[in-house]
Protein backbone atom coordinates (compact mmCIF):
# COMPACT_ATOMS: atom_id res chain seq x y z
CA UNK A 1 13.45 -41.21 -28.33
CA UNK A 2 14.55 -39.35 -31.48
CA UNK A 3 16.28 -36.05 -30.96
CA UNK A 4 14.88 -32.98 -32.62
CA UNK A 5 15.23 -29.24 -32.59
CA UNK A 6 12.81 -26.49 -33.47
CA UNK A 7 13.22 -24.72 -36.77
CA UNK A 8 11.49 -21.62 -38.09
CA UNK A 9 7.99 -20.94 -36.73
CA UNK A 10 8.46 -23.53 -33.98
CA UNK A 11 8.26 -26.48 -36.37
CA UNK A 12 10.34 -29.47 -35.24
CA UNK A 13 13.19 -30.49 -37.51
CA UNK A 14 14.67 -33.98 -37.25
CA UNK A 15 18.36 -34.37 -36.46
CA UNK A 16 20.24 -36.13 -39.22
CA UNK A 17 21.24 -39.73 -38.56
CA UNK A 18 24.84 -38.87 -39.44
CA UNK A 19 25.04 -36.39 -36.52
CA UNK A 20 24.07 -38.97 -33.90
CA UNK A 21 26.51 -41.16 -31.99
CA UNK A 22 25.40 -44.21 -33.95
CA UNK A 23 25.86 -42.42 -37.27
CA UNK A 24 29.31 -41.23 -36.28
CA UNK A 25 30.33 -44.73 -35.16
CA UNK A 26 28.99 -46.21 -38.41
CA UNK A 27 30.90 -43.61 -40.44
CA UNK A 28 34.17 -44.36 -38.68
CA UNK A 29 33.61 -48.11 -39.13
CA UNK A 30 32.76 -47.69 -42.84
CA UNK A 31 35.88 -45.57 -43.46
CA UNK A 32 38.05 -48.13 -41.66
CA UNK A 33 36.62 -51.03 -43.69
CA UNK A 34 36.96 -49.08 -46.95
CA UNK A 35 40.57 -48.23 -46.12
CA UNK A 36 41.36 -51.84 -45.27
CA UNK A 37 39.83 -53.09 -48.52
CA UNK A 38 41.57 -50.46 -50.59
CA UNK A 39 45.03 -50.91 -49.12
CA UNK A 40 45.06 -54.66 -48.47
CA UNK A 41 42.94 -55.96 -51.32
CA UNK A 42 43.46 -53.40 -54.09
CA UNK A 43 43.41 -56.01 -56.87
CA UNK A 44 40.06 -57.38 -55.71
CA UNK A 45 38.52 -53.92 -55.37
CA UNK A 46 39.68 -52.88 -58.85
CA UNK A 47 38.37 -56.15 -60.28
CA UNK A 48 34.80 -55.38 -59.10
CA UNK A 49 34.90 -51.62 -59.76
CA UNK A 50 33.20 -51.75 -63.20
CA UNK A 51 30.29 -53.72 -61.74
CA UNK A 52 30.00 -51.21 -58.91
CA UNK A 53 29.76 -48.35 -61.39
CA UNK A 54 27.05 -50.18 -63.34
CA UNK A 55 25.13 -50.88 -60.12
CA UNK A 56 25.43 -47.23 -59.13
CA UNK A 57 23.13 -46.11 -61.97
CA UNK A 58 19.94 -47.86 -60.80
CA UNK A 59 20.72 -47.04 -57.16
CA UNK A 60 20.97 -43.35 -58.02
CA UNK A 61 17.61 -43.53 -59.82
CA UNK A 62 15.97 -45.22 -56.83
CA UNK A 63 17.35 -43.01 -54.07
CA UNK A 64 17.87 -39.64 -55.75
CA UNK A 65 14.47 -39.14 -57.42
CA UNK A 66 12.67 -38.41 -54.16
CA UNK A 67 12.13 -34.72 -54.81
CA UNK A 68 10.06 -34.94 -58.00
CA UNK A 69 6.65 -34.76 -56.34
CA UNK A 70 5.35 -38.25 -57.01
CA UNK A 71 3.44 -39.85 -59.86
CA UNK A 72 0.52 -38.16 -61.55
CA UNK A 73 1.42 -34.59 -60.65
CA UNK A 74 1.95 -32.31 -63.62
CA UNK A 75 3.30 -29.46 -61.54
CA UNK A 76 0.21 -27.28 -62.03
CA UNK A 77 -1.58 -26.03 -58.94
CA UNK A 78 -5.27 -26.70 -58.73
CA UNK A 79 -7.61 -24.07 -57.22
């Protein structure tokens, strides 16, 4: 069952994934893997870095444009 708390006016607010035990374990694992790759395989990481930066552009467009309100809305309120 997902954990939640109550925000203003009694509305439930979801607890962030990163604050759960699973999220914390995943974060620790990801940091450990990133550290291992950086310190043990620096040449390989630096070799693929330009491709990672190029791939970051479309990923940012996909995941960071969530707050624009969707397609077809011009921002004007209708009565």
